[in-house]
N, C-alpha and C. Protein backbone atom coordinates (compact mmCIF):
# COMPACT_ATOMS: atom_id res chain seq x y z
N UNK A 1 254.19 68.83 20.76
CA UNK A 1 255.59 68.38 20.77
C UNK A 1 256.26 68.87 19.49
N UNK A 2 257.45 69.60 19.56
CA UNK A 2 258.08 70.09 18.36
C UNK A 2 258.77 68.96 17.62
N UNK A 3 259.12 69.20 16.33
CA UNK A 3 259.64 68.13 15.48
C UNK A 3 260.97 67.60 15.97
N UNK A 4 261.83 68.48 16.51
CA UNK A 4 263.13 68.02 17.00
C UNK A 4 262.98 67.07 18.17
N UNK A 5 262.12 67.46 19.14
CA UNK A 5 261.89 66.61 20.31
C UNK A 5 261.22 65.31 19.91
N UNK A 6 260.29 65.39 18.95
CA UNK A 6 259.59 64.19 18.50
C UNK A 6 260.56 63.21 17.86
N UNK A 7 261.48 63.75 17.02
CA UNK A 7 262.47 62.88 16.39
C UNK A 7 263.34 62.21 17.44
N UNK A 8 263.76 63.00 18.44
CA UNK A 8 264.58 62.44 19.53
C UNK A 8 263.82 61.38 20.29
N UNK A 9 262.53 61.63 20.55
CA UNK A 9 261.71 60.69 21.30
C UNK A 9 261.59 59.37 20.56
N UNK A 10 261.31 59.44 19.24
CA UNK A 10 261.14 58.23 18.45
C UNK A 10 262.44 57.44 18.39
N UNK A 11 263.56 58.16 18.20
CA UNK A 11 264.84 57.47 18.13
C UNK A 11 265.17 56.78 19.45
N UNK A 12 264.93 57.48 20.54
CA UNK A 12 265.19 56.89 21.86
C UNK A 12 264.30 55.69 22.10
N UNK A 13 263.05 55.82 21.75
CA UNK A 13 262.12 54.71 21.94
C UNK A 13 262.51 53.50 21.11
N UNK A 14 262.93 53.77 19.87
CA UNK A 14 263.30 52.66 18.99
C UNK A 14 264.46 51.86 19.57
N UNK A 15 265.46 52.58 20.08
CA UNK A 15 266.61 51.87 20.65
C UNK A 15 266.26 51.16 21.93
N UNK A 16 265.43 51.78 22.76
CA UNK A 16 265.06 51.17 24.03
C UNK A 16 264.09 50.02 23.84
N UNK A 17 263.22 50.11 22.83
CA UNK A 17 262.28 49.02 22.57
C UNK A 17 263.04 47.76 22.19
N UNK A 18 264.14 47.91 21.43
CA UNK A 18 264.95 46.76 21.05
C UNK A 18 265.68 46.19 22.26
N UNK A 19 265.94 47.05 23.26
CA UNK A 19 266.70 46.60 24.43
C UNK A 19 265.84 45.85 25.43
N UNK A 20 264.52 45.99 25.35
CA UNK A 20 263.64 45.34 26.31
C UNK A 20 263.21 43.99 25.79
N UNK A 21 263.52 42.88 26.47
CA UNK A 21 263.13 41.55 26.00
C UNK A 21 261.62 41.45 25.89
N UNK A 22 261.14 40.87 24.77
CA UNK A 22 259.71 40.75 24.56
C UNK A 22 259.08 39.63 25.37
N UNK A 23 259.86 38.66 25.82
CA UNK A 23 259.29 37.47 26.45
C UNK A 23 259.38 37.50 27.97
N UNK A 24 259.89 38.61 28.53
CA UNK A 24 260.02 38.66 29.98
C UNK A 24 259.74 40.04 30.49
N UNK A 25 259.27 40.12 31.71
CA UNK A 25 259.00 41.43 32.32
C UNK A 25 260.08 41.77 33.34
N UNK A 26 261.20 41.00 33.33
CA UNK A 26 262.27 41.25 34.28
C UNK A 26 262.87 42.62 34.05
N UNK A 27 263.28 43.32 35.11
CA UNK A 27 263.88 44.64 34.94
C UNK A 27 265.12 44.58 34.07
N UNK A 28 265.29 45.59 33.24
CA UNK A 28 266.49 45.69 32.42
C UNK A 28 267.61 46.27 33.28
N UNK A 29 268.89 46.12 32.84
CA UNK A 29 270.00 46.69 33.61
C UNK A 29 269.85 48.20 33.70
N UNK A 30 270.44 48.80 34.74
CA UNK A 30 270.36 50.26 34.87
C UNK A 30 270.96 50.95 33.65
N UNK A 31 270.47 52.14 33.33
CA UNK A 31 271.01 52.90 32.22
C UNK A 31 272.44 53.33 32.52
N UNK A 32 273.30 53.24 31.51
CA UNK A 32 274.65 53.78 31.66
C UNK A 32 274.56 55.30 31.58
N UNK A 33 275.52 55.97 32.17
CA UNK A 33 275.47 57.43 32.22
C UNK A 33 275.40 58.04 30.83
N UNK A 34 276.05 57.40 29.85
CA UNK A 34 276.03 57.93 28.49
C UNK A 34 274.67 57.84 27.84
N UNK A 35 273.79 56.98 28.38
CA UNK A 35 272.45 56.82 27.82
C UNK A 35 271.41 57.59 28.61
N UNK A 36 271.83 58.26 29.67
CA UNK A 36 270.86 58.90 30.55
C UNK A 36 270.03 59.93 29.82
N UNK A 37 270.67 60.69 28.95
CA UNK A 37 269.94 61.72 28.22
C UNK A 37 268.87 61.14 27.31
N UNK A 38 269.12 59.93 26.78
CA UNK A 38 268.14 59.34 25.87
C UNK A 38 266.87 58.93 26.59
N UNK A 39 266.91 58.86 27.92
CA UNK A 39 265.71 58.49 28.67
C UNK A 39 264.79 59.68 28.89
N UNK A 40 265.26 60.88 28.67
CA UNK A 40 264.43 62.05 28.88
C UNK A 40 263.13 62.04 28.08
N UNK A 41 263.12 61.57 26.83
CA UNK A 41 261.86 61.57 26.09
C UNK A 41 260.77 60.74 26.74
N UNK A 42 261.11 59.93 27.74
CA UNK A 42 260.07 59.14 28.38
C UNK A 42 259.04 60.04 29.07
N UNK A 43 259.43 61.26 29.40
CA UNK A 43 258.44 62.19 29.94
C UNK A 43 257.37 62.46 28.89
N UNK A 44 257.82 62.59 27.65
CA UNK A 44 256.87 62.83 26.56
C UNK A 44 256.07 61.57 26.22
N UNK A 45 256.73 60.43 26.30
CA UNK A 45 256.04 59.16 26.08
C UNK A 45 254.95 58.97 27.13
N UNK A 46 255.28 59.27 28.37
CA UNK A 46 254.32 59.10 29.45
C UNK A 46 253.16 60.09 29.31
N UNK A 47 253.48 61.31 28.87
CA UNK A 47 252.42 62.29 28.63
C UNK A 47 251.47 61.79 27.55
N UNK A 48 252.04 61.22 26.48
CA UNK A 48 251.19 60.69 25.42
C UNK A 48 250.38 59.50 25.92
N UNK A 49 251.00 58.64 26.71
CA UNK A 49 250.30 57.47 27.25
C UNK A 49 249.14 57.91 28.15
N UNK A 50 249.38 58.93 28.98
CA UNK A 50 248.31 59.40 29.86
C UNK A 50 247.19 60.05 29.07
N UNK A 51 247.54 60.82 28.05
CA UNK A 51 246.51 61.45 27.23
C UNK A 51 245.62 60.40 26.57
N UNK A 52 246.25 59.38 26.01
CA UNK A 52 245.48 58.33 25.34
C UNK A 52 244.61 57.57 26.33
N UNK A 53 245.18 57.28 27.50
CA UNK A 53 244.41 56.54 28.51
C UNK A 53 243.20 57.35 28.97
N UNK A 54 243.41 58.63 29.23
CA UNK A 54 242.32 59.47 29.72
C UNK A 54 241.26 59.70 28.65
N UNK A 55 241.70 59.79 27.40
CA UNK A 55 240.73 59.93 26.31
C UNK A 55 239.82 58.70 26.23
N UNK A 56 240.42 57.53 26.38
CA UNK A 56 239.65 56.29 26.30
C UNK A 56 238.71 56.15 27.49
N UNK A 57 239.23 56.44 28.68
CA UNK A 57 238.43 56.27 29.89
C UNK A 57 237.36 57.34 30.03
N UNK A 58 237.55 58.46 29.34
CA UNK A 58 236.56 59.52 29.38
C UNK A 58 235.35 59.25 28.50
N UNK A 59 235.44 58.20 27.68
CA UNK A 59 234.31 57.84 26.83
C UNK A 59 233.19 57.22 27.67
N UNK A 60 231.93 57.54 27.36
CA UNK A 60 230.82 56.97 28.14
C UNK A 60 230.87 55.45 28.21
N UNK A 61 230.75 54.92 29.39
CA UNK A 61 230.70 53.48 29.58
C UNK A 61 232.03 52.77 29.62
N UNK A 62 233.15 53.50 29.52
CA UNK A 62 234.47 52.86 29.43
C UNK A 62 234.80 52.06 30.69
N UNK A 63 234.58 52.61 31.86
CA UNK A 63 234.90 51.90 33.10
C UNK A 63 234.01 50.67 33.25
N UNK A 64 232.75 50.81 33.00
CA UNK A 64 231.82 49.70 33.19
C UNK A 64 232.06 48.58 32.19
N UNK A 65 232.60 48.91 31.02
CA UNK A 65 232.75 47.91 29.96
C UNK A 65 233.98 47.03 30.12
N UNK A 66 234.91 47.42 30.98
CA UNK A 66 236.18 46.69 31.12
C UNK A 66 236.20 45.98 32.48
N UNK A 67 236.19 44.66 32.45
CA UNK A 67 236.19 43.89 33.70
C UNK A 67 237.40 44.20 34.58
N UNK A 68 238.51 44.60 33.95
CA UNK A 68 239.74 44.84 34.71
C UNK A 68 239.65 46.08 35.58
N UNK A 69 238.76 47.02 35.25
CA UNK A 69 238.72 48.27 36.00
C UNK A 69 237.32 48.63 36.48
N UNK A 70 236.31 47.81 36.15
CA UNK A 70 234.94 48.13 36.55
C UNK A 70 234.85 48.30 38.07
N UNK A 71 234.10 49.30 38.51
CA UNK A 71 234.00 49.63 39.92
C UNK A 71 232.68 49.09 40.48
N UNK A 72 232.79 48.32 41.56
CA UNK A 72 231.61 47.86 42.29
C UNK A 72 231.56 48.53 43.64
N UNK A 73 230.51 48.27 44.38
CA UNK A 73 230.40 48.85 45.71
C UNK A 73 231.44 48.24 46.65
N UNK A 74 231.92 48.99 47.63
CA UNK A 74 232.95 48.48 48.54
C UNK A 74 232.38 47.71 49.72
N UNK A 75 233.22 46.87 50.29
CA UNK A 75 232.91 46.21 51.55
C UNK A 75 231.60 45.43 51.55
N UNK A 76 230.86 45.49 52.67
CA UNK A 76 229.61 44.74 52.80
C UNK A 76 228.56 45.12 51.75
N UNK A 77 228.64 46.35 51.24
CA UNK A 77 227.66 46.80 50.25
C UNK A 77 227.82 46.07 48.92
N UNK A 78 228.98 45.44 48.71
CA UNK A 78 229.24 44.78 47.43
C UNK A 78 228.20 43.70 47.12
N UNK A 79 227.68 43.05 48.16
CA UNK A 79 226.72 41.98 47.93
C UNK A 79 225.42 42.49 47.30
N UNK A 80 225.24 43.82 47.31
CA UNK A 80 224.04 44.39 46.73
C UNK A 80 224.22 44.79 45.27
N UNK A 81 225.43 44.62 44.72
CA UNK A 81 225.70 45.04 43.34
C UNK A 81 224.67 44.48 42.36
N UNK A 82 224.48 43.15 42.45
CA UNK A 82 223.57 42.50 41.51
C UNK A 82 222.14 43.00 41.64
N UNK A 83 221.69 43.16 42.88
CA UNK A 83 220.32 43.61 43.12
C UNK A 83 220.12 45.04 42.62
N UNK A 84 221.11 45.89 42.86
CA UNK A 84 220.99 47.27 42.43
C UNK A 84 221.03 47.39 40.91
N UNK A 85 221.87 46.54 40.28
CA UNK A 85 221.93 46.54 38.82
C UNK A 85 220.59 46.12 38.23
N UNK A 86 219.99 45.09 38.83
CA UNK A 86 218.69 44.63 38.34
C UNK A 86 217.63 45.70 38.56
N UNK A 87 217.69 46.36 39.72
CA UNK A 87 216.72 47.41 40.00
C UNK A 87 216.83 48.54 38.98
N UNK A 88 218.08 48.86 38.61
CA UNK A 88 218.27 49.91 37.63
C UNK A 88 217.75 49.54 36.26
N UNK A 89 217.96 48.29 35.85
CA UNK A 89 217.51 47.85 34.54
C UNK A 89 215.99 47.77 34.46
N UNK A 90 215.35 47.44 35.55
CA UNK A 90 213.89 47.30 35.55
C UNK A 90 213.19 48.60 35.89
N UNK A 91 213.97 49.62 36.24
CA UNK A 91 213.37 50.90 36.57
C UNK A 91 212.81 50.98 37.97
N UNK A 92 213.03 49.95 38.77
CA UNK A 92 212.51 49.93 40.14
C UNK A 92 213.29 50.89 41.03
N UNK A 93 214.57 51.03 40.76
CA UNK A 93 215.42 51.89 41.59
C UNK A 93 216.69 52.24 40.85
N UNK A 94 217.53 53.05 41.43
CA UNK A 94 218.77 53.48 40.77
C UNK A 94 219.83 52.39 40.77
N UNK A 95 220.62 52.36 39.74
CA UNK A 95 221.76 51.44 39.67
C UNK A 95 222.99 52.21 40.14
N UNK A 96 223.29 52.09 41.43
CA UNK A 96 224.39 52.86 41.99
C UNK A 96 225.72 52.47 41.36
N UNK A 97 225.93 51.19 41.09
CA UNK A 97 227.22 50.76 40.53
C UNK A 97 227.44 51.35 39.15
N UNK A 98 226.38 51.44 38.35
CA UNK A 98 226.51 52.07 37.03
C UNK A 98 226.90 53.53 37.19
N UNK A 99 226.32 54.19 38.17
CA UNK A 99 226.62 55.60 38.42
C UNK A 99 228.05 55.78 38.92
N UNK A 100 228.54 54.83 39.71
CA UNK A 100 229.93 54.89 40.17
C UNK A 100 230.89 54.91 38.98
N UNK A 101 230.64 54.03 38.03
CA UNK A 101 231.51 53.94 36.86
C UNK A 101 231.37 55.15 35.95
N UNK A 102 230.17 55.69 35.86
CA UNK A 102 229.97 56.92 35.10
C UNK A 102 230.74 58.07 35.73
N UNK A 103 230.69 58.16 37.06
CA UNK A 103 231.42 59.21 37.77
C UNK A 103 232.93 59.06 37.56
N UNK A 104 233.43 57.84 37.59
CA UNK A 104 234.87 57.61 37.37
C UNK A 104 235.27 58.08 35.98
N UNK A 105 234.44 57.80 34.99
CA UNK A 105 234.74 58.24 33.63
C UNK A 105 234.74 59.75 33.51
N UNK A 106 233.80 60.41 34.17
CA UNK A 106 233.75 61.86 34.14
C UNK A 106 234.99 62.47 34.79
N UNK A 107 235.42 61.88 35.89
CA UNK A 107 236.62 62.37 36.57
C UNK A 107 237.85 62.17 35.69
N UNK A 108 237.95 61.01 35.05
CA UNK A 108 239.09 60.73 34.18
C UNK A 108 239.15 61.73 33.02
N UNK A 109 238.00 62.07 32.49
CA UNK A 109 237.95 63.00 31.36
C UNK A 109 238.48 64.38 31.73
N UNK A 110 238.41 64.72 33.02
CA UNK A 110 238.85 66.04 33.48
C UNK A 110 240.23 66.01 34.14
N UNK A 111 240.89 64.86 34.14
CA UNK A 111 242.11 64.69 34.93
C UNK A 111 243.40 64.97 34.18
N UNK A 112 243.34 65.32 32.90
CA UNK A 112 244.58 65.50 32.13
C UNK A 112 245.55 66.49 32.78
N UNK A 113 245.11 67.66 33.23
CA UNK A 113 246.07 68.59 33.85
C UNK A 113 246.77 68.01 35.07
N UNK A 114 246.08 67.19 35.83
CA UNK A 114 246.67 66.58 37.02
C UNK A 114 247.85 65.69 36.63
N UNK A 115 247.65 64.87 35.63
CA UNK A 115 248.70 63.94 35.23
C UNK A 115 249.82 64.67 34.49
N UNK A 116 249.49 65.66 33.70
CA UNK A 116 250.53 66.42 33.02
C UNK A 116 251.45 67.10 34.02
N UNK A 117 250.88 67.67 35.08
CA UNK A 117 251.70 68.33 36.10
C UNK A 117 252.61 67.33 36.79
N UNK A 118 252.09 66.17 37.14
CA UNK A 118 252.90 65.15 37.81
C UNK A 118 254.02 64.66 36.90
N UNK A 119 253.70 64.49 35.63
CA UNK A 119 254.71 63.99 34.67
C UNK A 119 255.81 65.02 34.48
N UNK A 120 255.45 66.28 34.36
CA UNK A 120 256.45 67.31 34.16
C UNK A 120 257.36 67.48 35.37
N UNK A 121 256.92 66.98 36.53
CA UNK A 121 257.73 67.08 37.74
C UNK A 121 258.78 65.98 37.84
N UNK A 122 258.72 64.99 36.95
CA UNK A 122 259.72 63.92 36.96
C UNK A 122 261.07 64.50 36.59
N UNK A 123 262.12 64.14 37.35
CA UNK A 123 263.44 64.72 37.17
C UNK A 123 264.39 63.78 36.45
N UNK A 124 265.52 64.32 36.03
CA UNK A 124 266.50 63.56 35.24
C UNK A 124 266.96 62.31 35.96
N UNK A 125 267.22 62.41 37.26
CA UNK A 125 267.71 61.24 38.00
C UNK A 125 266.65 60.15 38.11
N UNK A 126 265.39 60.47 37.79
CA UNK A 126 264.34 59.46 37.82
C UNK A 126 264.43 58.51 36.64
N UNK A 127 265.16 58.89 35.60
CA UNK A 127 265.10 58.17 34.33
C UNK A 127 265.61 56.74 34.41
N UNK A 128 266.53 56.47 35.34
CA UNK A 128 267.13 55.15 35.38
C UNK A 128 266.17 54.01 35.65
N UNK A 129 265.01 54.27 36.23
CA UNK A 129 264.08 53.19 36.55
C UNK A 129 262.98 53.00 35.54
N UNK A 130 263.11 53.59 34.34
CA UNK A 130 262.00 53.61 33.40
C UNK A 130 262.13 52.62 32.26
N UNK A 131 262.95 51.58 32.43
CA UNK A 131 263.26 50.71 31.31
C UNK A 131 262.27 49.58 31.09
N UNK A 132 261.47 49.20 32.06
CA UNK A 132 260.51 48.11 31.87
C UNK A 132 259.38 48.56 30.97
N UNK A 133 258.57 47.60 30.52
CA UNK A 133 257.48 47.93 29.60
C UNK A 133 256.55 48.99 30.16
N UNK A 134 256.29 48.92 31.46
CA UNK A 134 255.43 49.92 32.10
C UNK A 134 256.21 50.70 33.15
N UNK A 135 257.51 50.80 32.96
CA UNK A 135 258.37 51.40 33.97
C UNK A 135 258.04 52.85 34.27
N UNK A 136 257.76 53.64 33.24
CA UNK A 136 257.45 55.05 33.47
C UNK A 136 256.14 55.20 34.24
N UNK A 137 255.14 54.41 33.83
CA UNK A 137 253.85 54.44 34.53
C UNK A 137 254.00 54.00 35.97
N UNK A 138 254.75 52.91 36.18
CA UNK A 138 254.95 52.41 37.54
C UNK A 138 255.66 53.43 38.41
N UNK A 139 256.67 54.09 37.82
CA UNK A 139 257.41 55.09 38.60
C UNK A 139 256.52 56.27 38.95
N UNK A 140 255.72 56.72 37.99
CA UNK A 140 254.83 57.84 38.26
C UNK A 140 253.86 57.49 39.38
N UNK A 141 253.34 56.27 39.34
CA UNK A 141 252.39 55.86 40.38
C UNK A 141 253.06 55.81 41.74
N UNK A 142 254.30 55.31 41.77
CA UNK A 142 255.01 55.19 43.04
C UNK A 142 255.41 56.56 43.60
N UNK A 143 255.86 57.44 42.72
CA UNK A 143 256.41 58.70 43.18
C UNK A 143 255.37 59.80 43.37
N UNK A 144 254.28 59.73 42.62
CA UNK A 144 253.30 60.82 42.66
C UNK A 144 251.88 60.34 42.89
N UNK A 145 251.71 59.04 43.22
CA UNK A 145 250.38 58.49 43.39
C UNK A 145 249.56 59.20 44.46
N UNK A 146 250.20 59.55 45.59
CA UNK A 146 249.49 60.23 46.66
C UNK A 146 249.01 61.61 46.25
N UNK A 147 249.87 62.34 45.57
CA UNK A 147 249.50 63.69 45.12
C UNK A 147 248.39 63.61 44.07
N UNK A 148 248.50 62.65 43.17
CA UNK A 148 247.47 62.48 42.15
C UNK A 148 246.13 62.16 42.79
N UNK A 149 246.15 61.28 43.80
CA UNK A 149 244.91 60.94 44.51
C UNK A 149 244.29 62.18 45.13
N UNK A 150 245.12 63.01 45.77
CA UNK A 150 244.62 64.22 46.43
C UNK A 150 243.99 65.17 45.42
N UNK A 151 244.60 65.33 44.27
CA UNK A 151 244.08 66.26 43.27
C UNK A 151 242.93 65.67 42.47
N UNK A 152 242.88 64.34 42.41
CA UNK A 152 241.80 63.68 41.68
C UNK A 152 240.51 63.63 42.49
N UNK A 153 240.65 63.60 43.81
CA UNK A 153 239.49 63.41 44.69
C UNK A 153 238.38 64.45 44.48
N UNK A 154 238.69 65.75 44.38
CA UNK A 154 237.59 66.71 44.14
C UNK A 154 236.86 66.46 42.83
N UNK A 155 237.57 66.01 41.80
CA UNK A 155 236.92 65.70 40.53
C UNK A 155 235.95 64.53 40.70
N UNK A 156 236.40 63.53 41.46
CA UNK A 156 235.54 62.37 41.71
C UNK A 156 234.32 62.77 42.52
N UNK A 157 234.53 63.56 43.55
CA UNK A 157 233.41 63.99 44.38
C UNK A 157 232.37 64.75 43.56
N UNK A 158 232.85 65.67 42.73
CA UNK A 158 231.94 66.43 41.87
C UNK A 158 231.16 65.50 40.95
N UNK A 159 231.86 64.53 40.38
CA UNK A 159 231.19 63.58 39.47
C UNK A 159 230.18 62.72 40.22
N UNK A 160 230.50 62.33 41.44
CA UNK A 160 229.57 61.53 42.24
C UNK A 160 228.31 62.32 42.59
N UNK A 161 228.48 63.61 42.82
CA UNK A 161 227.33 64.47 43.08
C UNK A 161 226.50 64.62 41.80
N UNK A 162 227.20 64.84 40.68
CA UNK A 162 226.51 65.05 39.41
C UNK A 162 225.69 63.83 39.01
N UNK A 163 226.23 62.65 39.27
CA UNK A 163 225.53 61.43 38.88
C UNK A 163 224.52 60.96 39.93
N UNK A 164 224.46 61.66 41.05
CA UNK A 164 223.49 61.32 42.08
C UNK A 164 223.91 60.21 43.02
N UNK A 165 225.15 59.76 42.92
CA UNK A 165 225.59 58.64 43.72
C UNK A 165 225.59 58.96 45.21
N UNK A 166 226.09 60.13 45.57
CA UNK A 166 226.17 60.44 47.00
C UNK A 166 224.79 60.49 47.64
N UNK A 167 223.83 60.97 46.91
CA UNK A 167 222.47 60.99 47.43
C UNK A 167 221.93 59.56 47.59
N UNK A 168 222.20 58.73 46.58
CA UNK A 168 221.74 57.34 46.63
C UNK A 168 222.44 56.56 47.72
N UNK A 169 223.71 56.85 47.94
CA UNK A 169 224.51 56.08 48.90
C UNK A 169 224.04 56.29 50.32
N UNK A 170 223.33 57.36 50.58
CA UNK A 170 222.88 57.61 51.95
C UNK A 170 221.97 56.49 52.44
N UNK A 171 221.32 55.80 51.50
CA UNK A 171 220.44 54.70 51.90
C UNK A 171 221.23 53.46 52.31
N UNK A 172 222.54 53.47 52.05
CA UNK A 172 223.39 52.32 52.39
C UNK A 172 224.28 52.61 53.59
N UNK A 173 223.96 53.68 54.31
CA UNK A 173 224.81 54.09 55.44
C UNK A 173 224.91 53.00 56.50
N UNK A 174 223.87 52.19 56.61
CA UNK A 174 223.89 51.13 57.62
C UNK A 174 224.94 50.07 57.32
N UNK A 175 225.42 50.04 56.07
CA UNK A 175 226.47 49.09 55.69
C UNK A 175 227.86 49.73 55.75
N UNK A 176 227.93 50.90 56.37
CA UNK A 176 229.22 51.56 56.52
C UNK A 176 229.65 52.36 55.32
N UNK A 177 228.75 52.60 54.38
CA UNK A 177 229.09 53.32 53.16
C UNK A 177 228.90 54.82 53.38
N UNK A 178 229.80 55.42 54.14
CA UNK A 178 229.73 56.85 54.39
C UNK A 178 230.16 57.62 53.14
N UNK A 179 229.79 58.88 53.09
CA UNK A 179 230.13 59.71 51.94
C UNK A 179 231.63 59.80 51.73
N UNK A 180 232.38 60.09 52.78
CA UNK A 180 233.84 60.23 52.64
C UNK A 180 234.48 58.93 52.21
N UNK A 181 234.02 57.84 52.79
CA UNK A 181 234.58 56.55 52.42
C UNK A 181 234.32 56.24 50.95
N UNK A 182 233.12 56.54 50.50
CA UNK A 182 232.78 56.26 49.10
C UNK A 182 233.62 57.11 48.15
N UNK A 183 233.80 58.38 48.49
CA UNK A 183 234.60 59.26 47.64
C UNK A 183 236.04 58.77 47.56
N UNK A 184 236.62 58.39 48.70
CA UNK A 184 237.99 57.87 48.71
C UNK A 184 238.09 56.58 47.91
N UNK A 185 237.11 55.71 48.09
CA UNK A 185 237.11 54.43 47.40
C UNK A 185 237.04 54.62 45.89
N UNK A 186 236.14 55.45 45.42
CA UNK A 186 236.00 55.66 43.98
C UNK A 186 237.21 56.39 43.43
N UNK A 187 237.80 57.29 44.21
CA UNK A 187 239.03 57.95 43.77
C UNK A 187 240.14 56.93 43.59
N UNK A 188 240.30 56.01 44.55
CA UNK A 188 241.30 54.95 44.43
C UNK A 188 241.07 54.12 43.17
N UNK A 189 239.83 53.72 42.96
CA UNK A 189 239.50 52.87 41.81
C UNK A 189 239.66 53.62 40.49
N UNK A 190 239.34 54.90 40.49
CA UNK A 190 239.53 55.69 39.28
C UNK A 190 241.01 55.79 38.94
N UNK A 191 241.83 56.07 39.94
CA UNK A 191 243.28 56.14 39.73
C UNK A 191 243.82 54.79 39.26
N UNK A 192 243.34 53.69 39.87
CA UNK A 192 243.76 52.35 39.44
C UNK A 192 243.47 52.15 37.96
N UNK A 193 242.27 52.52 37.54
CA UNK A 193 241.89 52.36 36.14
C UNK A 193 242.75 53.19 35.21
N UNK A 194 243.02 54.41 35.60
CA UNK A 194 243.85 55.29 34.77
C UNK A 194 245.26 54.73 34.63
N UNK A 195 245.86 54.31 35.74
CA UNK A 195 247.22 53.76 35.67
C UNK A 195 247.25 52.46 34.87
N UNK A 196 246.21 51.65 34.99
CA UNK A 196 246.14 50.42 34.19
C UNK A 196 246.17 50.75 32.71
N UNK A 197 245.39 51.72 32.30
CA UNK A 197 245.34 52.08 30.89
C UNK A 197 246.62 52.79 30.45
N UNK A 198 247.21 53.58 31.33
CA UNK A 198 248.47 54.22 31.00
C UNK A 198 249.55 53.17 30.75
N UNK A 199 249.58 52.13 31.59
CA UNK A 199 250.55 51.06 31.39
C UNK A 199 250.37 50.37 30.05
N UNK A 200 249.13 50.15 29.65
CA UNK A 200 248.86 49.53 28.35
C UNK A 200 249.37 50.43 27.22
N UNK A 201 249.10 51.72 27.34
CA UNK A 201 249.53 52.64 26.29
C UNK A 201 251.04 52.77 26.25
N UNK A 202 251.69 52.78 27.40
CA UNK A 202 253.15 52.84 27.42
C UNK A 202 253.75 51.61 26.75
N UNK A 203 253.19 50.44 27.04
CA UNK A 203 253.67 49.21 26.42
C UNK A 203 253.53 49.29 24.91
N UNK A 204 252.41 49.80 24.42
CA UNK A 204 252.20 49.95 22.98
C UNK A 204 253.24 50.88 22.37
N UNK A 205 253.54 51.97 23.05
CA UNK A 205 254.53 52.92 22.54
C UNK A 205 255.92 52.31 22.51
N UNK A 206 256.24 51.48 23.48
CA UNK A 206 257.56 50.84 23.49
C UNK A 206 257.66 49.80 22.38
N UNK A 207 256.60 49.06 22.16
CA UNK A 207 256.63 48.02 21.14
C UNK A 207 256.59 48.60 19.74
N UNK A 208 255.98 49.75 19.60
CA UNK A 208 255.87 50.39 18.30
C UNK A 208 256.19 51.88 18.46
N UNK A 209 257.47 52.24 18.51
CA UNK A 209 257.85 53.63 18.75
C UNK A 209 257.25 54.61 17.75
N UNK A 210 257.03 54.16 16.52
CA UNK A 210 256.48 55.07 15.52
C UNK A 210 255.05 55.49 15.83
N UNK A 211 254.39 54.74 16.74
CA UNK A 211 253.03 55.13 17.10
C UNK A 211 253.03 56.44 17.87
N UNK A 212 254.21 56.89 18.31
CA UNK A 212 254.31 58.18 18.97
C UNK A 212 253.93 59.30 17.99
N UNK A 213 254.06 59.01 16.71
CA UNK A 213 253.73 59.99 15.70
C UNK A 213 252.24 60.11 15.46
N UNK A 214 251.51 59.10 15.95
CA UNK A 214 250.07 59.05 15.72
C UNK A 214 249.33 59.77 16.83
N UNK A 215 248.21 60.37 16.49
CA UNK A 215 247.41 61.06 17.49
C UNK A 215 246.54 60.07 18.21
């Protein structure tokens, strides 16, 4: 980000952070036309928020360590989570749920280009809905969530193969855990985790605009 754009971004954030009530999540009034240009830096704010979120989630064990985003087995197979975790710890068998979370982290670590492309596609007329604490993240999820899922899915599938999950999951086919279903499920959960962390980072940037200067 060049110095001129960074200065503009910080100034815009500072003014908008003061405009957002700290004690409520209610939507702020629509931007006036004269302020529309000041919302443009939110593309850069969102890019920074996504970079920070993906960096954190790409760290080993990040998905498994956070109760808010930890991935368990879907549907009827969920009842086996505890047994599989115990089997993995005792060396009796593989811990599929641990591998699911490892795969999600690997996919997140490789997803930066996907989110950067989606963010750069946000247009000027989109800016009016970005005033809430997580407004930019919410808008990105609403407007580009399907495309992000489609582009994220191959990364998840590759990670599931790398971690051995797809091979392990074949033993759970009787519970309806087909390969395609598992890939879609983990892709959904990976995207959920990324957007959750992006929202947290966006909120931090709004509350402390100067943190945009920090790496």
